[in-house]
PDB file of N, CA and C in Angstrom:
ATOM      1  N   UNK A   1      66.525 -26.261  46.253  1.00  0.00           N
ATOM      2  CA  UNK A   1      66.006 -27.632  46.297  1.00  0.00           C
ATOM      3  C   UNK A   1      65.517 -28.034  44.907  1.00  0.00           C
ATOM      4  N   UNK A   2      65.912 -29.195  44.450  1.00  0.00           N
ATOM      5  CA  UNK A   2      65.466 -29.626  43.123  1.00  0.00           C
ATOM      6  C   UNK A   2      64.119 -30.355  43.188  1.00  0.00           C
ATOM      7  N   UNK A   3      63.580 -30.670  42.027  1.00  0.00           N
ATOM      8  CA  UNK A   3      62.257 -31.301  41.961  1.00  0.00           C
ATOM      9  C   UNK A   3      62.216 -32.635  42.685  1.00  0.00           C
ATOM     10  N   UNK A   4      63.319 -33.399  42.544  1.00  0.00           N
ATOM     11  CA  UNK A   4      63.335 -34.709  43.189  1.00  0.00           C
ATOM     12  C   UNK A   4      63.236 -34.564  44.700  1.00  0.00           C
ATOM     13  N   UNK A   5      63.988 -33.612  45.267  1.00  0.00           N
ATOM     14  CA  UNK A   5      63.947 -33.406  46.717  1.00  0.00           C
ATOM     15  C   UNK A   5      62.560 -32.913  47.155  1.00  0.00           C
ATOM     16  N   UNK A   6      61.996 -31.999  46.369  1.00  0.00           N
ATOM     17  CA  UNK A   6      60.661 -31.495  46.693  1.00  0.00           C
ATOM     18  C   UNK A   6      59.666 -32.637  46.692  1.00  0.00           C
ATOM     19  N   UNK A   7      59.790 -33.495  45.682  1.00  0.00           N
ATOM     20  CA  UNK A   7      58.870 -34.615  45.552  1.00  0.00           C
ATOM     21  C   UNK A   7      59.009 -35.568  46.732  1.00  0.00           C
ATOM     22  N   UNK A   8      60.254 -35.880  47.115  1.00  0.00           N
ATOM     23  CA  UNK A   8      60.488 -36.758  48.262  1.00  0.00           C
ATOM     24  C   UNK A   8      59.878 -36.172  49.530  1.00  0.00           C
ATOM     25  N   UNK A   9      60.043 -34.874  49.709  1.00  0.00           N
ATOM     26  CA  UNK A   9      59.512 -34.211  50.890  1.00  0.00           C
ATOM     27  C   UNK A   9      57.985 -34.301  50.908  1.00  0.00           C
ATOM     28  N   UNK A  10      57.375 -34.048  49.760  1.00  0.00           N
ATOM     29  CA  UNK A  10      55.915 -34.125  49.668  1.00  0.00           C
ATOM     30  C   UNK A  10      55.422 -35.536  49.950  1.00  0.00           C
ATOM     31  N   UNK A  11      56.116 -36.520  49.387  1.00  0.00           N
ATOM     32  CA  UNK A  11      55.723 -37.914  49.614  1.00  0.00           C
ATOM     33  C   UNK A  11      55.795 -38.229  51.109  1.00  0.00           C
ATOM     34  N   UNK A  12      56.848 -37.746  51.773  1.00  0.00           N
ATOM     35  CA  UNK A  12      56.974 -37.962  53.215  1.00  0.00           C
ATOM     36  C   UNK A  12      55.807 -37.324  53.970  1.00  0.00           C
ATOM     37  N   UNK A  13      55.495 -36.081  53.601  1.00  0.00           N
ATOM     38  CA  UNK A  13      54.423 -35.363  54.290  1.00  0.00           C
ATOM     39  C   UNK A  13      53.062 -36.033  54.078  1.00  0.00           C
ATOM     40  N   UNK A  14      52.862 -36.553  52.880  1.00  0.00           N
ATOM     41  CA  UNK A  14      51.535 -37.054  52.530  1.00  0.00           C
ATOM     42  C   UNK A  14      51.334 -38.532  52.838  1.00  0.00           C
ATOM     43  N   UNK A  15      52.423 -39.257  53.082  1.00  0.00           N
ATOM     44  CA  UNK A  15      52.306 -40.716  53.156  1.00  0.00           C
ATOM     45  C   UNK A  15      51.352 -41.197  54.237  1.00  0.00           C
ATOM     46  N   UNK A  16      51.373 -40.574  55.416  1.00  0.00           N
ATOM     47  CA  UNK A  16      50.481 -41.072  56.472  1.00  0.00           C
ATOM     48  C   UNK A  16      49.021 -40.785  56.134  1.00  0.00           C
ATOM     49  N   UNK A  17      48.756 -39.580  55.583  1.00  0.00           N
ATOM     50  CA  UNK A  17      47.391 -39.256  55.166  1.00  0.00           C
ATOM     51  C   UNK A  17      46.940 -40.195  54.052  1.00  0.00           C
ATOM     52  N   UNK A  18      47.850 -40.463  53.117  1.00  0.00           N
ATOM     53  CA  UNK A  18      47.550 -41.305  51.953  1.00  0.00           C
ATOM     54  C   UNK A  18      47.188 -42.719  52.389  1.00  0.00           C
ATOM     55  N   UNK A  19      48.006 -43.307  53.261  1.00  0.00           N
ATOM     56  CA  UNK A  19      47.750 -44.684  53.677  1.00  0.00           C
ATOM     57  C   UNK A  19      46.547 -44.764  54.612  1.00  0.00           C
ATOM     58  N   UNK A  20      46.293 -43.693  55.373  1.00  0.00           N
ATOM     59  CA  UNK A  20      45.120 -43.657  56.243  1.00  0.00           C
ATOM     60  C   UNK A  20      43.845 -43.748  55.420  1.00  0.00           C
ATOM     61  N   UNK A  21      43.908 -43.227  54.182  1.00  0.00           N
ATOM     62  CA  UNK A  21      42.758 -43.303  53.289  1.00  0.00           C
ATOM     63  C   UNK A  21      42.695 -44.628  52.534  1.00  0.00           C
ATOM     64  N   UNK A  22      43.646 -45.505  52.826  1.00  0.00           N
ATOM     65  CA  UNK A  22      43.609 -46.839  52.247  1.00  0.00           C
ATOM     66  C   UNK A  22      44.260 -46.953  50.878  1.00  0.00           C
ATOM     67  N   UNK A  23      45.061 -45.947  50.499  1.00  0.00           N
ATOM     68  CA  UNK A  23      45.717 -46.006  49.194  1.00  0.00           C
ATOM     69  C   UNK A  23      47.140 -46.507  49.345  1.00  0.00           C
ATOM     70  N   UNK A  24      47.670 -47.070  48.245  1.00  0.00           N
ATOM     71  CA  UNK A  24      49.012 -47.664  48.290  1.00  0.00           C
ATOM     72  C   UNK A  24      50.085 -46.615  48.062  1.00  0.00           C
ATOM     73  N   UNK A  25      51.189 -46.753  48.810  1.00  0.00           N
ATOM     74  CA  UNK A  25      52.276 -45.775  48.728  1.00  0.00           C
ATOM     75  C   UNK A  25      52.942 -45.739  47.366  1.00  0.00           C
ATOM     76  N   UNK A  26      53.018 -46.870  46.680  1.00  0.00           N
ATOM     77  CA  UNK A  26      53.671 -46.843  45.369  1.00  0.00           C
ATOM     78  C   UNK A  26      52.867 -46.000  44.379  1.00  0.00           C
ATOM     79  N   UNK A  27      51.560 -45.916  44.586  1.00  0.00           N
ATOM     80  CA  UNK A  27      50.728 -45.039  43.759  1.00  0.00           C
ATOM     81  C   UNK A  27      51.111 -43.588  44.008  1.00  0.00           C
ATOM     82  N   UNK A  28      51.312 -43.242  45.267  1.00  0.00           N
ATOM     83  CA  UNK A  28      51.688 -41.876  45.628  1.00  0.00           C
ATOM     84  C   UNK A  28      53.049 -41.529  45.039  1.00  0.00           C
ATOM     85  N   UNK A  29      53.986 -42.472  45.129  1.00  0.00           N
ATOM     86  CA  UNK A  29      55.337 -42.224  44.624  1.00  0.00           C
ATOM     87  C   UNK A  29      55.367 -42.031  43.113  1.00  0.00           C
ATOM     88  N   UNK A  30      54.405 -42.595  42.398  1.00  0.00           N
ATOM     89  CA  UNK A  30      54.422 -42.490  40.939  1.00  0.00           C
ATOM     90  C   UNK A  30      53.788 -41.197  40.429  1.00  0.00           C
ATOM     91  N   UNK A  31      53.250 -40.389  41.338  1.00  0.00           N
ATOM     92  CA  UNK A  31      52.626 -39.118  40.936  1.00  0.00           C
ATOM     93  C   UNK A  31      53.694 -38.099  40.542  1.00  0.00           C
ATOM     94  N   UNK A  32      53.298 -37.154  39.699  1.00  0.00           N
ATOM     95  CA  UNK A  32      54.204 -36.059  39.350  1.00  0.00           C
ATOM     96  C   UNK A  32      54.204 -35.023  40.464  1.00  0.00           C
ATOM     97  N   UNK A  33      55.174 -34.114  40.414  1.00  0.00           N
ATOM     98  CA  UNK A  33      55.276 -33.081  41.442  1.00  0.00           C
ATOM     99  C   UNK A  33      54.013 -32.235  41.492  1.00  0.00           C
ATOM    100  N   UNK A  34      53.491 -31.870  40.320  1.00  0.00           N
ATOM    101  CA  UNK A  34      52.266 -31.061  40.286  1.00  0.00           C
ATOM    102  C   UNK A  34      51.085 -31.800  40.894  1.00  0.00           C
ATOM    103  N   UNK A  35      50.988 -33.090  40.598  1.00  0.00           N
ATOM    104  CA  UNK A  35      49.904 -33.887  41.183  1.00  0.00           C
ATOM    105  C   UNK A  35      50.040 -33.936  42.702  1.00  0.00           C
ATOM    106  N   UNK A  36      51.277 -34.095  43.165  1.00  0.00           N
ATOM    107  CA  UNK A  36      51.515 -34.151  44.612  1.00  0.00           C
ATOM    108  C   UNK A  36      51.133 -32.842  45.284  1.00  0.00           C
ATOM    109  N   UNK A  37      51.428 -31.725  44.624  1.00  0.00           N
ATOM    110  CA  UNK A  37      51.047 -30.426  45.192  1.00  0.00           C
ATOM    111  C   UNK A  37      49.532 -30.319  45.297  1.00  0.00           C
ATOM    112  N   UNK A  38      48.823 -30.798  44.286  1.00  0.00           N
ATOM    113  CA  UNK A  38      47.367 -30.796  44.313  1.00  0.00           C
ATOM    114  C   UNK A  38      46.828 -31.673  45.422  1.00  0.00           C
ATOM    115  N   UNK A  39      47.452 -32.827  45.585  1.00  0.00           N
ATOM    116  CA  UNK A  39      47.036 -33.755  46.642  1.00  0.00           C
ATOM    117  C   UNK A  39      47.270 -33.128  48.009  1.00  0.00           C
ATOM    118  N   UNK A  40      48.411 -32.409  48.156  1.00  0.00           N
ATOM    119  CA  UNK A  40      48.696 -31.772  49.444  1.00  0.00           C
ATOM    120  C   UNK A  40      47.631 -30.729  49.766  1.00  0.00           C
ATOM    121  N   UNK A  41      47.221 -29.974  48.776  1.00  0.00           N
ATOM    122  CA  UNK A  41      46.165 -28.981  49.000  1.00  0.00           C
ATOM    123  C   UNK A  41      44.873 -29.657  49.420  1.00  0.00           C
ATOM    124  N   UNK A  42      44.557 -30.767  48.755  1.00  0.00           N
ATOM    125  CA  UNK A  42      43.342 -31.500  49.089  1.00  0.00           C
ATOM    126  C   UNK A  42      43.431 -32.060  50.509  1.00  0.00           C
ATOM    127  N   UNK A  43      44.601 -32.568  50.871  1.00  0.00           N
ATOM    128  CA  UNK A  43      44.793 -33.130  52.212  1.00  0.00           C
ATOM    129  C   UNK A  43      44.646 -32.040  53.264  1.00  0.00           C
ATOM    130  N   UNK A  44      45.223 -30.886  52.982  1.00  0.00           N
ATOM    131  CA  UNK A  44      45.118 -29.766  53.918  1.00  0.00           C
ATOM    132  C   UNK A  44      43.675 -29.348  54.105  1.00  0.00           C
ATOM    133  N   UNK A  45      42.950 -29.223  53.002  1.00  0.00           N
ATOM    134  CA  UNK A  45      41.545 -28.826  53.084  1.00  0.00           C
ATOM    135  C   UNK A  45      40.753 -29.861  53.860  1.00  0.00           C
ATOM    136  N   UNK A  46      41.042 -31.121  53.608  1.00  0.00           N
ATOM    137  CA  UNK A  46      40.315 -32.189  54.287  1.00  0.00           C
ATOM    138  C   UNK A  46      40.584 -32.150  55.789  1.00  0.00           C
ATOM    139  N   UNK A  47      41.858 -32.032  56.175  1.00  0.00           N
ATOM    140  CA  UNK A  47      42.147 -32.049  57.614  1.00  0.00           C
ATOM    141  C   UNK A  47      41.620 -30.781  58.276  1.00  0.00           C
ATOM    142  N   UNK A  48      41.611 -29.677  57.543  1.00  0.00           N
ATOM    143  CA  UNK A  48      41.034 -28.444  58.082  1.00  0.00           C
ATOM    144  C   UNK A  48      39.543 -28.636  58.329  1.00  0.00           C
ATOM    145  N   UNK A  49      38.855 -29.222  57.361  1.00  0.00           N
ATOM    146  CA  UNK A  49      37.419 -29.449  57.512  1.00  0.00           C
ATOM    147  C   UNK A  49      37.126 -30.381  58.681  1.00  0.00           C
ATOM    148  N   UNK A  50      37.937 -31.410  58.816  1.00  0.00           N
ATOM    149  CA  UNK A  50      37.738 -32.365  59.897  1.00  0.00           C
ATOM    150  C   UNK A  50      37.869 -31.664  61.248  1.00  0.00           C
ATOM    151  N   UNK A  51      38.912 -30.839  61.399  1.00  0.00           N
ATOM    152  CA  UNK A  51      39.111 -30.200  62.694  1.00  0.00           C
ATOM    153  C   UNK A  51      38.031 -29.168  62.989  1.00  0.00           C
ATOM    154  N   UNK A  52      37.545 -28.480  61.962  1.00  0.00           N
ATOM    155  CA  UNK A  52      36.509 -27.487  62.224  1.00  0.00           C
ATOM    156  C   UNK A  52      35.198 -28.163  62.613  1.00  0.00           C
ATOM    157  N   UNK A  53      34.913 -29.341  62.053  1.00  0.00           N
ATOM    158  CA  UNK A  53      33.721 -30.080  62.451  1.00  0.00           C
ATOM    159  C   UNK A  53      33.834 -30.520  63.904  1.00  0.00           C
ATOM    160  N   UNK A  54      35.033 -30.947  64.279  1.00  0.00           N
ATOM    161  CA  UNK A  54      35.233 -31.418  65.633  1.00  0.00           C
ATOM    162  C   UNK A  54      34.994 -30.321  66.644  1.00  0.00           C
ATOM    163  N   UNK A  55      35.424 -29.100  66.314  1.00  0.00           N
ATOM    164  CA  UNK A  55      35.226 -27.995  67.251  1.00  0.00           C
ATOM    165  C   UNK A  55      33.756 -27.689  67.479  1.00  0.00           C
ATOM    166  N   UNK A  56      32.977 -27.809  66.397  1.00  0.00           N
ATOM    167  CA  UNK A  56      31.546 -27.499  66.508  1.00  0.00           C
ATOM    168  C   UNK A  56      30.793 -28.533  67.338  1.00  0.00           C
ATOM    169  N   UNK A  57      31.231 -29.768  67.247  1.00  0.00           N
ATOM    170  CA  UNK A  57      30.501 -30.848  67.902  1.00  0.00           C
ATOM    171  C   UNK A  57      30.590 -30.773  69.424  1.00  0.00           C
TER     172      UNK A  57
END
């Protein structure tokens, strides 16, 4: 898989989380692959934290 395909896949995975946070998709599309990987890690950590809080409540 080349960088462009990886980037497209990441954008697809992140788009719903990104827009849920009120950010514009064209901003997400303009990110570099490395930035997208960082964002994915942040999104994962965030959704993990959210679900763990829900279990405790």
